Amino acid sequence: MRVDRLFTDVRLATMAGHRPGLGIVEDGVLATRDGRIAWVGERRDAPLFDAREVIRGEGRWLTPGLVDCHTHLVWAGDRSREFERRLEGASYEEIAREGGGILATVRATRAASFEELVRAALPRLDALLAEGVTTVEIKSGYGLEPATEYRQLATAAALERERAVRIERTFLGAHALPSEFAKDREGYLRLLCDEMIPRVARERLASAVDVFCERIAFSPEETRRVFEAARAHGLRLKLHADQLSDSGGAALAASFAALSADHLEYANAQGVQAMARAGTVAVLLPGAFYCLREKQLPPIESFRRAGVPMAVATDCNPGTSPLQSLLLALNLAATLFRLTVTECLLGVTRNAARALGLEDDRGTLEIGKRADLALWAIERPAELVYWMGARLLSARWVGA
């Protein structure tokens, strides 16, 4: 078999659904051709290969490239003072109502040029890539008016040209109500649904639409309206759901067959069952939970019993999750949410790809999938969850 690259002497964590657990192959071989996986399996079963390049793993672990399926990576400004305020006792909601929070970042991001946004975002992206991440979802939502929202999405697209990474763009114009529409919610909803969403779809600026459904942001009724507009224009759906209160967001997301519902600390039993029926992924964001010092845990056991797939992401953002390490997010998910090692690692590979609607394209080591790969200097996959701050990555490939 003619192939471009042949990986030998590797232990594989394939994450494939037809194999138990992490889909481990202890004595593995993987071959790639034209940027996709051409063969994967046990060395004893491998055919003869004619490879342009042979990479000997020396017993290291090869996994799919990691997927960070929820980030707000593109922004300007600094909100470390809000971190101090929270340490002094102010709540997230109090800060938001005083003009801080999301709106503070909106002001700074509106004032930033395209070049400034790219320059600010690249170090954050590089931190993720250094930990084996090959796919990153980036949301807009710090413009809340057409020009800056489109500039954020253009910045996200530019990052893919600057680095070897795959960027999935999500339009989050319904992140907060901008100050100029403080007394005209209806006017902003019309702007979102009648102007911004149609243009995002027409110009392919993003593939999905997200909404922050919460009492300090958008109501379930308003969320439904945005979702209906997005669906009418062929865009996929995601939802910031039930983070600070039980607003029925999980069930609402499921009723639209959303790709994912994210945060979910206050999701109720009906919402969990609805997500299970719809196949909606629960994206867990332990960085925000940790930074906000929340006490209400997501209903992890209910997700398990119902068979809801769980993903883990950084939620990298300037206000509530200044987290630039997906591996640390795994440790937090295990420590704070009591996810198992298997749940954590599936949560940044197979299930994270599913949360972006990409499960047929990446997230596992299977024939036909993209050859986005990470090679790790570890003895056991559990080390990817166990270590905090360790440099574990040996190499990564995007379309090997």
Protein backbone atom coordinates (compact mmCIF):
# COMPACT_ATOMS: atom_id res chain seq x y z
CA MET A 1 0.00 0.00 0.00
CA ARG A 2 1.41 3.39 -1.01
CA VAL A 3 1.12 5.99 1.75
CA ASP A 4 2.56 9.37 2.63
CA ARG A 5 3.46 8.73 6.26
CA LEU A 6 3.75 5.56 8.27
CA PHE A 7 3.69 5.68 12.07
CA THR A 8 5.21 2.59 13.68
CA ASP A 9 6.16 1.51 17.20
CA VAL A 10 3.28 3.52 18.66
CA ARG A 11 0.59 2.78 21.17
CA LEU A 12 -2.73 4.04 19.89
CA ALA A 13 -5.63 5.55 21.77
CA THR A 14 -7.98 5.49 18.79
CA MET A 15 -11.09 6.82 20.65
CA ALA A 16 -13.08 4.80 18.11
CA GLY A 17 -16.63 3.96 19.13
CA HIS A 18 -16.42 0.32 18.01
CA ARG A 19 -13.61 -0.32 20.51
CA PRO A 20 -14.09 -0.26 24.30
CA GLY A 21 -12.89 2.63 26.42
CA LEU A 22 -10.21 4.67 24.71
CA GLY A 23 -9.90 2.16 21.87
CA ILE A 24 -6.37 1.19 22.83
CA VAL A 25 -4.04 -0.67 20.47
CA GLU A 26 -0.81 -1.48 22.32
CA ASP A 27 1.35 -2.38 19.31
CA GLY A 28 -0.03 -0.11 16.65
CA VAL A 29 0.56 1.13 13.14
CA LEU A 30 -1.09 4.09 11.45
CA ALA A 31 -0.67 5.18 7.84
CA THR A 32 -1.81 8.39 6.13
CA ARG A 33 -2.41 9.42 2.55
CA ASP A 34 -3.56 12.79 1.18
CA GLY A 35 -4.07 14.15 4.70
CA ARG A 36 -6.33 11.33 5.86
CA ILE A 37 -5.91 8.07 7.72
CA ALA A 38 -5.40 5.25 5.21
CA TRP A 39 -4.86 2.38 7.65
CA VAL A 40 -4.83 1.91 11.44
CA GLY A 41 -4.59 -1.15 13.62
CA GLU A 42 -2.38 -3.82 15.14
CA ARG A 43 1.12 -4.19 13.69
CA ARG A 44 0.58 -7.91 13.19
CA ASP A 45 -2.37 -7.20 10.88
CA ALA A 46 -0.72 -4.43 8.86
CA PRO A 47 -0.17 -4.80 5.12
CA LEU A 48 3.12 -4.00 3.44
CA PHE A 49 3.52 -0.24 3.06
CA ASP A 50 5.46 1.86 0.59
CA ALA A 51 5.80 5.04 2.65
CA ARG A 52 7.32 8.37 1.67
CA GLU A 53 8.19 8.95 5.35
CA VAL A 54 8.41 6.58 8.31
CA ILE A 55 7.96 7.97 11.83
CA ARG A 56 9.00 5.65 14.63
CA GLY A 57 7.19 6.48 17.84
CA GLU A 58 9.55 4.60 20.20
CA GLY A 59 6.60 3.35 22.21
CA ARG A 60 4.95 6.73 22.69
CA TRP A 61 1.18 7.25 22.53
CA LEU A 62 -0.53 8.50 19.38
CA THR A 63 -4.00 10.03 19.69
CA PRO A 64 -6.28 12.10 17.52
CA GLY A 65 -5.41 15.77 17.64
CA LEU A 66 -7.34 17.36 20.49
CA VAL A 67 -10.45 19.46 19.87
CA ASP A 68 -11.25 22.56 21.95
CA CYS A 69 -14.94 22.88 21.10
CA HIS A 70 -15.82 26.07 23.03
CA THR A 71 -13.62 29.17 23.09
CA HIS A 72 -13.96 32.95 22.85
CA LEU A 73 -10.37 33.29 21.71
CA VAL A 74 -10.63 36.60 19.81
CA TRP A 75 -10.94 39.71 21.97
CA ALA A 76 -9.17 42.91 23.02
CA GLY A 77 -8.67 44.48 26.42
CA ASP A 78 -8.05 43.20 29.93
CA ARG A 79 -10.42 42.20 32.73
CA SER A 80 -8.04 41.21 35.49
CA ARG A 81 -9.60 43.92 37.67
CA GLU A 82 -12.86 41.97 37.58
CA PHE A 83 -10.96 38.97 38.90
CA GLU A 84 -9.87 41.14 41.81
CA ARG A 85 -13.46 42.33 42.30
CA ARG A 86 -14.74 38.77 42.52
CA LEU A 87 -12.05 37.97 45.08
CA GLU A 88 -13.34 40.95 47.05
CA GLY A 89 -16.84 39.51 47.03
CA ALA A 90 -18.58 40.93 43.93
CA SER A 91 -20.63 38.45 41.89
CA TYR A 92 -20.44 37.93 38.14
CA GLU A 93 -23.95 39.34 37.79
CA GLU A 94 -23.13 42.43 39.88
CA ILE A 95 -20.10 43.20 37.73
CA ALA A 96 -22.13 42.73 34.55
CA ARG A 97 -24.91 45.03 35.72
CA GLU A 98 -22.35 47.74 36.56
CA GLY A 99 -21.17 47.82 32.93
CA GLY A 100 -18.34 45.34 33.37
CA GLY A 101 -18.33 41.77 32.20
CA ILE A 102 -19.00 41.12 28.55
CA LEU A 103 -19.73 44.78 27.77
CA ALA A 104 -16.29 45.84 29.00
CA THR A 105 -14.68 43.51 26.47
CA VAL A 106 -17.11 44.73 23.82
CA ARG A 107 -15.87 48.29 24.23
CA ALA A 108 -12.24 47.25 23.91
CA THR A 109 -12.86 44.91 20.98
CA ARG A 110 -14.83 47.51 19.03
CA ALA A 111 -11.85 49.83 19.33
CA ALA A 112 -9.34 47.23 18.11
CA SER A 113 -8.26 46.84 14.49
CA PHE A 114 -8.19 43.53 12.63
CA GLU A 115 -4.40 43.43 12.96
CA GLU A 116 -4.57 44.10 16.69
CA LEU A 117 -7.09 41.30 17.19
CA VAL A 118 -4.93 38.83 15.27
CA ARG A 119 -1.85 39.86 17.24
CA ALA A 120 -3.67 39.46 20.56
CA ALA A 121 -5.20 36.08 19.69
CA LEU A 122 -2.13 34.31 18.35
CA PRO A 123 -0.40 33.69 21.73
CA ARG A 124 -3.63 32.21 23.11
CA LEU A 125 -3.93 29.94 20.11
CA ASP A 126 -0.27 28.95 20.34
CA ALA A 127 -0.77 27.87 23.95
CA LEU A 128 -3.48 25.45 22.83
CA LEU A 129 -1.47 24.11 19.91
CA ALA A 130 1.46 23.38 22.24
CA GLU A 131 -0.81 20.89 24.00
CA GLY A 132 -1.80 18.87 20.94
CA VAL A 133 -4.90 20.80 19.91
CA THR A 134 -5.59 20.64 16.16
CA THR A 135 -9.18 21.96 16.00
CA VAL A 136 -10.44 25.07 17.83
CA GLU A 137 -13.93 26.54 17.84
CA ILE A 138 -13.89 30.35 18.10
CA LYS A 139 -16.99 32.40 18.84
CA SER A 140 -17.66 36.05 18.09
CA GLY A 141 -19.78 37.94 20.60
CA TYR A 142 -17.55 40.83 21.66
CA GLY A 143 -18.77 43.17 18.96
CA LEU A 144 -22.56 43.15 19.33
CA GLU A 145 -22.78 45.28 16.21
CA PRO A 146 -22.22 44.18 12.61
CA ALA A 147 -18.77 45.56 11.80
CA THR A 148 -17.00 44.21 14.90
CA GLU A 149 -18.81 40.87 14.86
CA TYR A 150 -17.71 40.32 11.27
CA ARG A 151 -14.19 41.49 12.15
CA GLN A 152 -14.00 38.93 14.95
CA LEU A 153 -15.04 36.16 12.58
CA ALA A 154 -12.56 37.37 9.97
CA THR A 155 -9.85 37.30 12.65
CA ALA A 156 -10.73 33.70 13.48
CA ALA A 157 -10.42 32.80 9.80
CA ALA A 158 -7.05 34.57 9.61
CA LEU A 159 -5.70 32.52 12.51
CA GLU A 160 -6.17 29.39 10.43
CA ARG A 161 -3.95 30.93 7.75
CA GLU A 162 -1.32 31.88 10.32
CA ARG A 163 -1.04 28.48 12.01
CA ALA A 164 -1.43 24.77 11.25
CA VAL A 165 -4.85 24.40 12.86
CA ARG A 166 -8.48 23.97 11.90
CA ILE A 167 -10.77 26.77 13.08
CA GLU A 168 -14.54 26.38 13.38
CA ARG A 169 -16.32 29.74 13.61
CA THR A 170 -19.50 30.37 15.60
CA PHE A 171 -21.58 33.57 15.50
CA LEU A 172 -22.46 34.68 19.04
CA GLY A 173 -24.10 38.01 18.35
CA ALA A 174 -26.63 37.09 21.05
CA HIS A 175 -24.00 37.22 23.79
CA ALA A 176 -25.31 40.29 25.61
CA LEU A 177 -27.52 43.28 24.91
CA PRO A 178 -25.31 46.16 23.70
CA SER A 179 -25.59 49.40 25.63
CA GLU A 180 -26.97 51.34 22.65
CA PHE A 181 -29.95 48.96 22.60
CA ALA A 182 -30.47 48.97 26.38
CA LYS A 183 -34.01 50.29 25.90
CA ASP A 184 -34.70 48.54 22.60
CA ARG A 185 -34.32 44.78 22.93
CA GLU A 186 -36.69 44.29 20.01
CA GLY A 187 -34.50 46.47 17.81
CA TYR A 188 -31.41 44.41 18.57
CA LEU A 189 -33.24 41.14 17.95
CA ARG A 190 -34.36 42.45 14.57
CA LEU A 191 -30.75 43.41 13.78
CA LEU A 192 -29.59 39.92 14.72
CA CYS A 193 -32.29 37.98 12.92
CA ASP A 194 -32.92 40.14 9.86
CA GLU A 195 -29.45 41.48 9.04
CA MET A 196 -26.57 39.80 10.84
CA ILE A 197 -27.56 36.13 10.68
CA PRO A 198 -28.48 36.28 6.98
CA ARG A 199 -25.12 37.87 6.14
CA VAL A 200 -23.18 35.40 8.28
CA ALA A 201 -24.84 32.55 6.39
CA ARG A 202 -24.61 34.16 2.95
CA GLU A 203 -20.91 34.96 3.25
CA ARG A 204 -20.08 31.79 5.19
CA LEU A 205 -18.56 33.77 8.01
CA ALA A 206 -19.54 31.04 10.49
CA SER A 207 -21.07 27.58 10.41
CA ALA A 208 -23.07 27.84 13.64
CA VAL A 209 -24.98 30.30 15.80
CA ASP A 210 -24.81 30.40 19.60
CA VAL A 211 -26.90 32.28 22.19
CA PHE A 212 -26.25 33.09 25.85
CA CYS A 213 -29.61 32.04 27.31
CA GLU A 214 -29.60 33.45 30.83
CA ARG A 215 -31.42 36.05 32.91
CA ILE A 216 -28.56 38.56 32.40
CA ALA A 217 -28.55 37.92 28.65
CA PHE A 218 -31.38 36.49 26.49
CA SER A 219 -34.61 34.81 27.55
CA PRO A 220 -35.75 31.42 26.26
CA GLU A 221 -38.31 33.19 24.05
CA GLU A 222 -35.65 35.46 22.56
CA THR A 223 -33.31 32.50 22.14
CA ARG A 224 -35.99 30.61 20.26
CA ARG A 225 -36.40 33.53 17.88
CA VAL A 226 -32.66 33.67 17.14
CA PHE A 227 -32.55 29.91 16.66
CA GLU A 228 -35.43 30.01 14.21
CA ALA A 229 -33.64 32.65 12.14
CA ALA A 230 -30.39 30.68 12.21
CA ARG A 231 -32.09 27.44 11.22
CA ALA A 232 -33.92 29.18 8.37
CA HIS A 233 -30.53 30.17 6.96
CA GLY A 234 -28.98 26.72 7.29
CA LEU A 235 -26.75 27.42 10.28
CA ARG A 236 -26.12 24.90 13.03
CA LEU A 237 -27.07 25.67 16.61
CA LYS A 238 -25.28 25.75 19.98
CA LEU A 239 -26.38 27.20 23.32
CA HIS A 240 -24.88 28.64 26.49
CA ALA A 241 -27.44 26.93 28.70
CA ASP A 242 -28.34 26.81 32.39
CA GLN A 243 -25.03 28.20 33.64
CA LEU A 244 -26.29 30.53 36.38
CA SER A 245 -29.91 29.41 36.72
CA ASP A 246 -32.36 26.83 35.46
CA SER A 247 -33.89 28.59 32.47
CA GLY A 248 -34.83 25.40 30.65
CA GLY A 249 -31.92 25.93 28.27
CA ALA A 250 -30.97 22.26 27.96
CA ALA A 251 -34.47 21.28 26.83
CA LEU A 252 -34.66 24.30 24.53
CA ALA A 253 -31.39 23.36 22.85
CA ALA A 254 -32.59 19.80 22.44
CA SER A 255 -35.90 20.91 20.94
CA PHE A 256 -33.92 22.46 18.08
CA ALA A 257 -31.58 19.43 17.83
CA ALA A 258 -28.69 21.74 18.73
CA LEU A 259 -25.20 20.34 18.37
CA SER A 260 -24.46 21.13 21.99
CA ALA A 261 -25.63 22.77 25.17
CA ASP A 262 -22.73 24.24 27.14
CA HIS A 263 -22.11 24.91 30.87
CA LEU A 264 -25.30 23.21 32.20
CA GLU A 265 -24.69 23.56 35.93
CA TYR A 266 -28.43 24.08 36.55
CA ALA A 267 -29.81 21.76 33.85
CA ASN A 268 -32.88 19.90 35.10
CA ALA A 269 -33.88 16.27 34.67
CA GLN A 270 -36.25 16.99 31.80
CA GLY A 271 -33.50 18.84 29.98
CA VAL A 272 -31.07 15.96 30.41
CA GLN A 273 -33.57 13.48 28.97
CA ALA A 274 -34.36 15.82 26.09
CA MET A 275 -30.66 16.13 25.27
CA ALA A 276 -30.30 12.35 25.29
CA ARG A 277 -33.18 11.95 22.84
CA ALA A 278 -31.89 14.67 20.55
CA GLY A 279 -28.24 13.58 20.63
CA THR A 280 -27.19 17.01 21.90
CA VAL A 281 -23.69 17.01 23.44
CA ALA A 282 -23.16 18.37 26.96
CA VAL A 283 -20.08 20.62 26.80
CA LEU A 284 -18.60 20.97 30.28
CA LEU A 285 -16.58 24.08 31.06
CA PRO A 286 -14.77 23.56 34.37
CA GLY A 287 -12.61 26.67 33.90
CA ALA A 288 -15.60 28.98 34.28
CA PHE A 289 -16.93 26.90 37.18
CA TYR A 290 -13.56 27.20 38.92
CA CYS A 291 -12.97 30.90 38.24
CA LEU A 292 -16.47 31.91 39.32
CA ARG A 293 -16.18 29.68 42.41
CA GLU A 294 -19.52 28.09 41.59
CA LYS A 295 -20.98 25.46 43.88
CA GLN A 296 -23.73 23.97 41.69
CA LEU A 297 -22.19 21.04 39.82
CA PRO A 298 -23.44 19.99 36.39
CA PRO A 299 -25.63 16.85 36.64
CA ILE A 300 -22.84 14.50 35.58
CA GLU A 301 -24.45 11.32 36.90
CA SER A 302 -27.70 12.17 35.13
CA PHE A 303 -25.80 12.63 31.88
CA ARG A 304 -24.15 9.25 32.39
CA ARG A 305 -27.40 7.44 33.11
CA ALA A 306 -29.15 9.03 30.15
CA GLY A 307 -26.26 8.41 27.78
CA VAL A 308 -25.66 12.09 26.99
CA PRO A 309 -22.20 12.44 25.38
CA MET A 310 -19.96 14.80 27.36
CA ALA A 311 -17.26 17.06 25.95
CA VAL A 312 -14.75 19.24 27.81
CA ALA A 313 -13.47 22.64 26.62
CA THR A 314 -11.48 25.58 27.91
CA ASP A 315 -14.11 28.31 27.39
CA CYS A 316 -11.04 30.55 27.00
CA ASN A 317 -12.35 34.08 27.53
CA PRO A 318 -11.20 37.26 29.29
CA GLY A 319 -13.76 37.38 32.07
CA THR A 320 -14.81 34.02 33.47
CA SER A 321 -12.34 31.45 32.13
CA PRO A 322 -8.90 32.88 31.28
CA LEU A 323 -7.78 29.31 30.62
CA GLN A 324 -5.34 28.62 27.79
CA SER A 325 -4.72 24.93 28.61
CA LEU A 326 -7.04 22.17 27.44
CA LEU A 327 -5.04 19.65 29.46
CA LEU A 328 -5.61 21.66 32.63
CA ALA A 329 -9.31 21.74 31.73
CA LEU A 330 -9.17 17.92 31.78
CA ASN A 331 -7.65 17.91 35.25
CA LEU A 332 -10.31 20.36 36.47
CA ALA A 333 -13.09 18.25 34.93
CA ALA A 334 -11.77 15.17 36.69
CA THR A 335 -11.12 16.87 40.02
CA LEU A 336 -14.15 19.15 40.25
CA PHE A 337 -16.74 17.22 38.23
CA ARG A 338 -15.42 13.70 38.93
CA LEU A 339 -15.19 12.70 35.29
CA THR A 340 -13.20 9.53 34.66
CA VAL A 341 -10.03 9.52 32.59
CA THR A 342 -11.91 7.88 29.74
CA GLU A 343 -14.69 10.48 29.89
CA CYS A 344 -12.15 13.29 29.92
CA LEU A 345 -10.17 12.06 26.93
CA LEU A 346 -13.24 11.21 24.86
CA GLY A 347 -14.42 14.68 25.85
CA VAL A 348 -11.61 16.41 23.96
CA THR A 349 -11.59 14.05 20.97
CA ARG A 350 -14.63 12.09 19.79
CA ASN A 351 -17.30 13.94 21.76
CA ALA A 352 -15.74 17.35 21.17
CA ALA A 353 -15.79 16.71 17.43
CA ARG A 354 -19.45 15.71 17.75
CA ALA A 355 -20.19 18.96 19.60
CA LEU A 356 -19.06 20.75 16.42
CA GLY A 357 -20.90 18.43 14.03
CA LEU A 358 -17.58 17.00 12.86
CA GLU A 359 -17.72 13.46 14.21
CA ASP A 360 -17.57 11.96 10.69
CA ASP A 361 -14.41 13.93 9.91
CA ARG A 362 -12.14 13.93 12.97
CA GLY A 363 -11.86 13.09 16.68
CA THR A 364 -10.92 9.41 16.29
CA LEU A 365 -8.20 7.36 14.64
CA GLU A 366 -10.23 5.61 11.96
CA ILE A 367 -9.78 5.05 8.25
CA GLY A 368 -11.01 8.03 6.27
CA LYS A 369 -10.78 10.53 9.11
CA ARG A 370 -8.50 13.56 8.91
CA ALA A 371 -4.93 12.77 9.86
CA ASP A 372 -4.86 15.31 12.68
CA LEU A 373 -2.60 13.62 15.20
CA ALA A 374 -0.80 14.15 18.51
CA LEU A 375 2.17 12.12 19.77
CA TRP A 376 2.72 12.10 23.54
CA ALA A 377 5.75 11.34 25.74
CA ILE A 378 3.73 9.50 28.38
CA GLU A 379 3.47 5.95 29.72
CA ARG A 380 -0.31 5.94 30.25
CA PRO A 381 -3.13 8.02 28.74
CA ALA A 382 -4.17 8.98 32.28
CA GLU A 383 -1.12 11.26 32.42
CA LEU A 384 -2.88 13.67 30.05
CA VAL A 385 -5.47 14.21 32.79
CA TYR A 386 -3.17 13.80 35.80
CA TRP A 387 -0.37 16.30 35.14
CA MET A 388 -0.85 20.03 35.65
CA GLY A 389 1.51 22.25 33.64
CA ALA A 390 3.67 19.43 32.30
CA ARG A 391 4.93 19.51 28.72
CA LEU A 392 3.74 16.18 27.38
CA LEU A 393 3.47 16.73 23.64
CA SER A 394 6.20 15.29 21.40
CA ALA A 395 4.72 16.31 18.05
CA ARG A 396 1.46 17.20 16.33
CA TRP A 397 0.30 16.98 12.73
CA VAL A 398 -2.58 18.64 10.92
CA GLY A 399 -3.34 16.60 7.81
CA ALA A 400 -0.25 14.39 8.22
